[in-house]
Protein backbone atom coordinates (compact mmCIF):
# COMPACT_ATOMS: atom_id res chain seq x y z
CA MET A 1 -111.51 91.96 -197.68
CA LEU A 2 -113.55 94.88 -199.02
CA LYS A 3 -116.09 93.79 -201.61
CA HIS A 4 -116.39 97.15 -203.33
CA CYS A 5 -113.86 99.73 -204.49
CA ILE A 6 -113.73 102.66 -202.08
CA ARG A 7 -114.20 105.66 -204.38
CA LEU A 8 -112.84 108.09 -201.81
CA PHE A 9 -109.71 106.01 -201.66
CA CYS A 10 -109.45 105.18 -205.36
CA PHE A 11 -110.02 108.59 -206.87
CA THR A 12 -108.48 111.03 -204.41
CA ALA A 13 -104.86 111.85 -205.09
CA LEU A 14 -103.31 112.07 -201.66
CA THR A 15 -99.78 113.03 -200.70
CA PHE A 16 -98.81 112.78 -197.04
CA SER A 17 -96.04 114.98 -195.71
CA VAL A 18 -95.63 115.47 -191.99
CA GLY A 19 -99.09 113.98 -191.69
CA SER A 20 -98.12 110.53 -192.88
CA PHE A 21 -97.77 107.35 -190.89
CA ALA A 22 -95.77 104.33 -191.87
CA GLN A 23 -97.37 101.00 -191.12
CA ASP A 24 -94.96 100.45 -188.23
CA ASP A 25 -96.02 103.75 -186.60
CA TRP A 26 -99.39 102.29 -185.66
CA GLN A 27 -99.61 100.53 -182.32
CA SER A 28 -102.88 98.65 -182.82
CA PRO A 29 -102.14 95.25 -184.37
CA LEU A 30 -105.23 94.54 -186.49
CA GLU A 31 -106.30 95.69 -189.97
CA ARG A 32 -103.13 97.72 -190.55
CA ASP A 33 -103.27 97.00 -194.28
CA HIS A 34 -106.88 98.15 -194.66
CA PRO A 35 -107.01 100.81 -197.41
CA MET A 36 -108.72 103.36 -195.15
CA VAL A 37 -106.12 103.23 -192.35
CA GLY A 38 -104.61 106.66 -191.83
CA LYS A 39 -107.17 108.39 -194.05
CA VAL A 40 -108.90 111.54 -192.84
CA VAL A 41 -112.32 112.20 -194.35
CA ASP A 42 -113.98 115.61 -194.39
CA LEU A 43 -117.60 114.50 -194.08
CA LYS A 44 -119.10 117.77 -195.26
CA LEU A 45 -117.08 117.65 -198.47
CA GLN A 46 -117.14 113.83 -198.65
CA LYS A 47 -113.48 113.75 -199.61
CA VAL A 48 -110.21 112.54 -198.19
CA ILE A 49 -107.96 115.30 -196.87
CA SER A 50 -104.45 115.12 -195.47
CA PRO A 51 -103.90 115.08 -191.69
CA ASN A 52 -102.12 118.41 -192.08
CA VAL A 53 -105.21 120.01 -193.62
CA LEU A 54 -107.29 118.64 -190.76
CA LEU A 55 -104.91 120.15 -188.21
CA GLU A 56 -105.03 123.49 -190.01
CA ASN A 57 -108.83 123.42 -189.94
CA LEU A 58 -108.90 122.51 -186.25
CA ALA A 59 -106.55 125.38 -185.41
CA ARG A 60 -109.30 127.74 -186.58
CA ALA A 61 -112.11 126.08 -184.61
CA GLU A 62 -113.32 127.47 -181.29
CA VAL A 63 -114.53 124.12 -179.94
CA ILE A 64 -112.96 120.77 -180.86
CA LEU A 65 -114.55 117.49 -179.82
CA ILE A 66 -112.31 114.44 -180.22
CA GLY A 67 -114.15 111.14 -179.94
CA GLU A 68 -112.07 108.07 -179.18
CA LYS A 69 -112.30 104.36 -178.56
CA HIS A 70 -110.88 104.20 -175.07
CA ASP A 71 -108.73 101.08 -175.52
CA ASN A 72 -107.12 102.03 -178.83
CA PRO A 73 -103.56 103.33 -178.30
CA ASP A 74 -103.51 104.93 -181.76
CA HIS A 75 -106.39 107.16 -180.73
CA HIS A 76 -104.36 108.42 -177.78
CA MET A 77 -101.42 109.03 -180.12
CA LEU A 78 -103.58 111.06 -182.51
CA GLU A 79 -105.04 113.08 -179.65
CA GLN A 80 -101.53 114.09 -178.64
CA ARG A 81 -100.81 114.94 -182.27
CA ILE A 82 -103.83 117.24 -182.44
CA LEU A 83 -103.02 118.88 -179.11
CA SER A 84 -99.42 119.47 -180.18
CA ALA A 85 -100.68 121.27 -183.28
CA LEU A 86 -102.63 123.66 -181.04
CA ALA A 87 -99.80 124.28 -178.59
CA GLU A 88 -99.33 127.93 -179.57
CA GLN A 89 -102.88 128.84 -178.57
CA PRO A 90 -104.20 129.35 -175.00
CA ALA A 91 -106.60 126.43 -175.21
CA GLU A 92 -108.54 124.73 -172.44
CA VAL A 93 -108.51 120.94 -172.43
CA VAL A 94 -111.55 119.18 -170.96
CA LEU A 95 -111.23 115.46 -170.26
CA GLU A 96 -113.93 112.88 -169.65
CA MET A 97 -111.25 111.07 -167.62
CA LEU A 98 -111.32 113.78 -164.93
CA ASP A 99 -114.39 114.33 -162.79
CA ASP A 100 -115.82 116.93 -160.46
CA SER A 101 -114.15 115.40 -157.39
CA GLN A 102 -110.79 116.43 -158.91
CA SER A 103 -111.68 120.04 -159.76
CA SER A 104 -110.01 121.53 -156.70
CA LEU A 105 -106.87 119.52 -157.46
CA LEU A 106 -106.77 120.99 -160.95
CA THR A 107 -107.00 124.52 -159.55
CA ALA A 108 -103.98 123.92 -157.31
CA LEU A 109 -102.02 121.93 -159.89
CA ASP A 110 -98.27 122.47 -160.09
CA ARG A 111 -97.67 123.32 -163.73
CA GLU A 112 -94.17 121.86 -163.50
CA ALA A 113 -95.43 118.46 -162.35
CA GLN A 114 -94.84 115.48 -164.64
CA GLY A 115 -95.01 111.70 -164.51
CA ASN A 116 -95.94 110.09 -161.20
CA GLN A 117 -95.94 113.43 -159.43
CA LEU A 118 -98.63 114.69 -161.80
CA LYS A 119 -100.57 111.44 -161.49
CA GLN A 120 -100.53 111.66 -157.70
CA SER A 121 -101.41 115.36 -157.71
CA LEU A 122 -104.54 114.59 -159.72
CA GLN A 123 -105.42 111.51 -157.66
CA TRP A 124 -105.76 109.84 -161.02
CA ASN A 125 -108.24 106.94 -161.23
CA ASP A 126 -105.90 104.39 -162.76
CA LYS A 127 -108.45 101.58 -162.56
CA GLY A 128 -111.01 103.49 -164.58
CA TRP A 129 -108.57 105.23 -166.93
CA SER A 130 -105.11 103.79 -167.49
CA TRP A 131 -102.42 106.39 -166.76
CA GLU A 132 -100.24 104.60 -169.30
CA SER A 133 -102.84 105.52 -171.94
CA TYR A 134 -103.77 109.02 -170.81
CA GLY A 135 -100.74 110.21 -168.86
CA PRO A 136 -98.85 111.45 -171.96
CA LEU A 137 -101.88 113.49 -173.07
CA VAL A 138 -102.27 115.04 -169.60
CA GLU A 139 -98.54 115.80 -169.41
CA LEU A 140 -98.64 117.41 -172.85
CA ALA A 141 -101.57 119.62 -171.86
CA VAL A 142 -99.89 120.73 -168.63
CA SER A 143 -96.46 121.32 -170.15
CA SER A 144 -98.04 123.30 -173.02
CA GLY A 145 -99.67 125.65 -170.54
CA PHE A 146 -103.23 124.60 -171.36
CA LYS A 147 -105.85 124.88 -168.67
CA LEU A 148 -106.93 121.36 -167.68
CA THR A 149 -110.60 120.90 -166.75
CA ALA A 150 -112.72 118.01 -165.48
CA GLY A 151 -115.51 117.01 -167.83
CA ASN A 152 -117.16 114.15 -165.96
CA LEU A 153 -119.53 113.66 -163.07
CA SER A 154 -118.14 112.43 -159.79
CA ARG A 155 -119.02 108.92 -158.63
CA GLU A 156 -121.22 110.44 -155.93
CA GLN A 157 -123.14 112.43 -158.54
CA VAL A 158 -123.59 109.34 -160.72
CA LYS A 159 -124.95 107.43 -157.73
CA LYS A 160 -127.46 110.18 -156.95
CA ILE A 161 -128.64 110.39 -160.56
CA TYR A 162 -129.04 106.61 -160.68
CA GLN A 163 -131.18 106.73 -157.55
CA ARG A 164 -133.14 109.95 -158.11
CA GLY A 165 -133.21 110.42 -161.87
CA SER A 166 -134.74 113.66 -163.14
CA GLU A 167 -135.02 115.05 -159.61
CA GLU A 168 -131.23 115.11 -159.37
CA LEU A 169 -130.89 116.57 -162.87
CA THR A 170 -133.12 119.46 -161.86
CA ALA A 171 -130.97 120.15 -158.79
CA ASP A 172 -127.85 120.97 -160.85
CA ASP A 173 -128.08 123.84 -163.34
CA ARG A 174 -125.30 122.31 -165.43
CA LEU A 175 -127.43 119.22 -166.09
CA THR A 176 -130.87 120.66 -166.82
CA SER A 177 -130.43 120.43 -170.61
CA ALA A 178 -130.81 116.67 -170.14
CA LEU A 179 -134.46 117.31 -169.26
CA SER A 180 -135.08 118.95 -172.65
CA VAL A 181 -133.91 116.08 -174.84
CA ASN A 182 -136.87 114.79 -176.82
CA ASP A 183 -138.28 111.29 -176.53
CA GLU A 184 -137.11 110.18 -179.97
CA ILE A 185 -133.47 110.88 -179.11
CA LYS A 186 -133.92 109.30 -175.69
CA GLN A 187 -135.19 106.11 -177.31
CA THR A 188 -132.22 106.09 -179.70
CA LEU A 189 -129.80 106.50 -176.80
CA LEU A 190 -131.63 103.83 -174.81
CA THR A 191 -131.20 101.42 -177.72
CA GLU A 192 -127.47 102.20 -177.84
CA ILE A 193 -127.15 101.56 -174.10
CA TYR A 194 -129.10 98.32 -174.50
CA GLU A 195 -126.69 97.19 -177.21
CA GLN A 196 -123.64 98.35 -175.26
CA HIS A 197 -124.81 96.07 -172.46
CA CYS A 198 -124.95 93.22 -174.98
CA LYS A 199 -128.78 93.07 -174.85
CA MET A 200 -128.45 91.18 -171.58
CA MET A 201 -130.53 93.57 -169.50
CA PRO A 202 -134.21 94.39 -170.12
CA ARG A 203 -134.57 97.80 -171.81
CA GLU A 204 -136.99 99.01 -169.15
CA THR A 205 -134.34 98.58 -166.46
CA LEU A 206 -131.85 100.85 -168.28
CA HIS A 207 -133.59 104.20 -167.75
CA PRO A 208 -131.28 105.15 -164.84
CA MET A 209 -128.30 104.56 -167.16
CA LEU A 210 -129.98 106.73 -169.78
CA SER A 211 -130.27 109.53 -167.20
CA ILE A 212 -126.57 109.18 -166.44
CA GLN A 213 -125.65 109.29 -170.15
CA LEU A 214 -127.73 112.43 -170.65
CA ALA A 215 -126.24 114.00 -167.53
CA ARG A 216 -122.68 113.30 -168.67
CA ASP A 217 -123.34 114.88 -172.05
CA ALA A 218 -124.90 117.90 -170.33
CA ARG A 219 -121.95 118.13 -167.93
CA MET A 220 -119.41 118.14 -170.76
CA ALA A 221 -121.40 120.74 -172.68
CA SER A 222 -121.45 122.91 -169.54
CA ALA A 223 -117.67 122.72 -169.30
CA ILE A 224 -117.51 124.19 -172.81
CA VAL A 225 -120.10 126.86 -172.03
CA ASP A 226 -118.27 127.89 -168.85
CA SER A 227 -114.88 128.14 -170.54
CA GLU A 228 -113.45 131.59 -171.19
CA ALA A 229 -110.63 130.25 -173.36
CA PRO A 230 -110.63 131.17 -177.07
CA GLN A 231 -110.39 127.48 -177.89
CA VAL A 232 -111.72 124.45 -176.00
CA VAL A 233 -110.72 120.84 -176.70
CA LEU A 234 -112.90 118.08 -175.25
CA VAL A 235 -111.66 114.47 -175.29
CA ALA A 236 -114.16 111.71 -174.55
CA GLY A 237 -115.60 108.47 -175.86
CA ALA A 238 -116.99 108.83 -179.39
CA TYR A 239 -120.48 107.89 -178.14
CA HIS A 240 -120.67 111.30 -176.42
CA PHE A 241 -120.14 113.32 -179.57
CA ARG A 242 -122.79 112.61 -182.20
CA LYS A 243 -123.81 116.01 -183.47
CA ASP A 244 -127.51 115.13 -183.55
CA SER A 245 -127.89 113.62 -180.09
CA ASP A 246 -125.00 114.10 -177.68
CA VAL A 247 -122.78 116.97 -176.44
CA PRO A 248 -123.40 119.15 -179.54
CA LEU A 249 -127.16 118.82 -178.95
CA HIS A 250 -126.72 119.97 -175.35
CA LEU A 251 -124.74 122.98 -176.56
CA ALA A 252 -127.74 123.91 -178.70
CA LEU A 253 -130.13 123.36 -175.79
CA LYS A 254 -127.94 125.69 -173.71
CA ASN A 255 -128.05 128.29 -176.52
CA ALA A 256 -124.30 127.90 -176.94
CA ASP A 257 -124.15 126.46 -180.43
CA ASN A 258 -122.94 129.70 -182.01
CA ARG A 259 -119.26 128.84 -181.51
CA ASP A 260 -117.33 127.31 -184.41
CA LEU A 261 -117.48 123.59 -183.63
CA ALA A 262 -115.44 120.73 -185.11
CA VAL A 263 -116.26 117.12 -184.26
CA VAL A 264 -113.47 114.63 -184.99
CA MET A 265 -114.21 110.93 -184.69
CA LEU A 266 -111.19 108.66 -184.32
CA MET A 267 -112.52 105.44 -185.77
CA GLU A 268 -111.22 101.92 -186.22
CA VAL A 269 -111.55 100.48 -189.71
CA ASP A 270 -114.02 97.67 -190.15
CA SER A 271 -113.55 95.03 -192.84
CA GLU A 272 -117.25 94.17 -192.51
CA ILE A 273 -118.20 97.51 -194.10
CA ASP A 274 -118.68 96.75 -197.79
CA ASP A 275 -119.27 100.27 -199.06
CA TYR A 276 -117.38 103.03 -197.28
CA ASP A 277 -118.86 105.70 -199.55
CA ALA A 278 -122.37 104.95 -198.34
CA TYR A 279 -121.15 104.56 -194.78
CA LEU A 280 -119.46 107.97 -194.78
CA VAL A 281 -122.57 109.65 -196.18
CA ASP A 282 -124.45 108.24 -193.19
CA GLN A 283 -121.86 109.73 -190.83
CA VAL A 284 -122.49 113.33 -191.94
CA ALA A 285 -125.06 113.84 -189.17
CA ALA A 286 -122.64 112.48 -186.59
CA ALA A 287 -119.36 114.33 -187.12
CA ASP A 288 -117.31 116.72 -189.26
CA TYR A 289 -114.21 114.55 -189.72
CA VAL A 290 -113.30 110.89 -189.38
CA TRP A 291 -109.69 109.77 -188.89
CA PHE A 292 -109.32 106.03 -189.47
CA THR A 293 -106.94 103.80 -187.51
CA PRO A 294 -106.19 100.09 -187.21
CA LYS A 295 -108.16 98.00 -184.72
CA SER A 296 -106.80 97.46 -181.24
CA THR A 297 -108.50 94.12 -180.61
CA ASP A 298 -111.04 91.70 -182.05
CA ARG A 299 -112.09 90.60 -178.58
CA ASP A 300 -115.81 89.88 -178.28
CA TYR A 301 -116.71 91.64 -175.03
CA CYS A 302 -120.31 90.45 -175.18
CA ALA A 303 -119.17 86.83 -175.43
CA ASP A 304 -116.90 87.41 -172.43
CA LEU A 305 -119.77 88.94 -170.48
CA LYS A 306 -122.16 86.14 -171.33
CA HIS A 307 -119.53 83.56 -170.41
CA SER A 308 -118.88 85.35 -167.12
CA LYS A 309 -122.58 85.49 -166.34
CA SER A 310 -122.94 81.81 -167.18
CA ASP A 311 -120.06 80.91 -164.85
CA SER A 312 -121.58 83.07 -162.11
CA SER A 313 -124.95 81.35 -162.50
CA SER A 314 -123.30 77.93 -162.34
CA ASP A 315 -121.45 78.88 -159.16
CA THR A 316 -124.65 80.14 -157.57
CA SER A 317 -126.63 77.02 -158.48
CA SER A 318 -123.95 74.75 -157.06
CA ASN A 319 -123.98 76.45 -153.64
């Protein structure tokens, strides 16, 4: 239950047309009745806008970054919605879910391929990225005539960066912007990685993971820089898209921040946030728009990890 009235919600007259969602349209089961569900907030203006206005604004952007929570099906639905609204333009779609090892497959891709044929043609990594979740988005991009591009590092590249760090970053021109990120931002990212790993690993052991995070952001930014399309759409986890530290920062470091950029964060509502007005002011440095959805799960992944580690330790001690 929210403890404070949400002024954005209370005072903004909002009429949804094609942009509206009925409660039953959402697939995520939790927090569907939260007052911010379905709301789109323009962070620069600090006001609620309709989904249709958002789509109109995105149609004029040269670069669109869509940040998702990977396991939320509503985020995948909204990504398809955004892509459908851009279908009349010759856009390029860059996916974190495709990596460099698949680039040659994308070049030779049969534009008529759909379903399992498309999945097999891409040698899709179903264990890492569920085809059930991402297949419809890929099919939409292909059938709409968009160029599909890999945005991620290959597993082999990740392994080399983990082992060699900055030496490997220097060896690939696409990744060198990672070397220019200042120490303050690196420490912020290191803290995020530490928390993402449930504070179960010493911070000093996470520097290889920091190098990989920086390299992935640099790699995605390079995909945008290398694109010749009038519009580029990049879909990835929201943690890659903060305007002050992630892919947008790397665009600036590559002297490619002159293109009209729109950062859209697809975000689950959180009943623990007491004051959404203050929260949204804090998000101005992170994104341009936030589109709120229900929550997909209340699973405590850190508790699962700690339990798993405890079971593993017990098994080891008993042998």
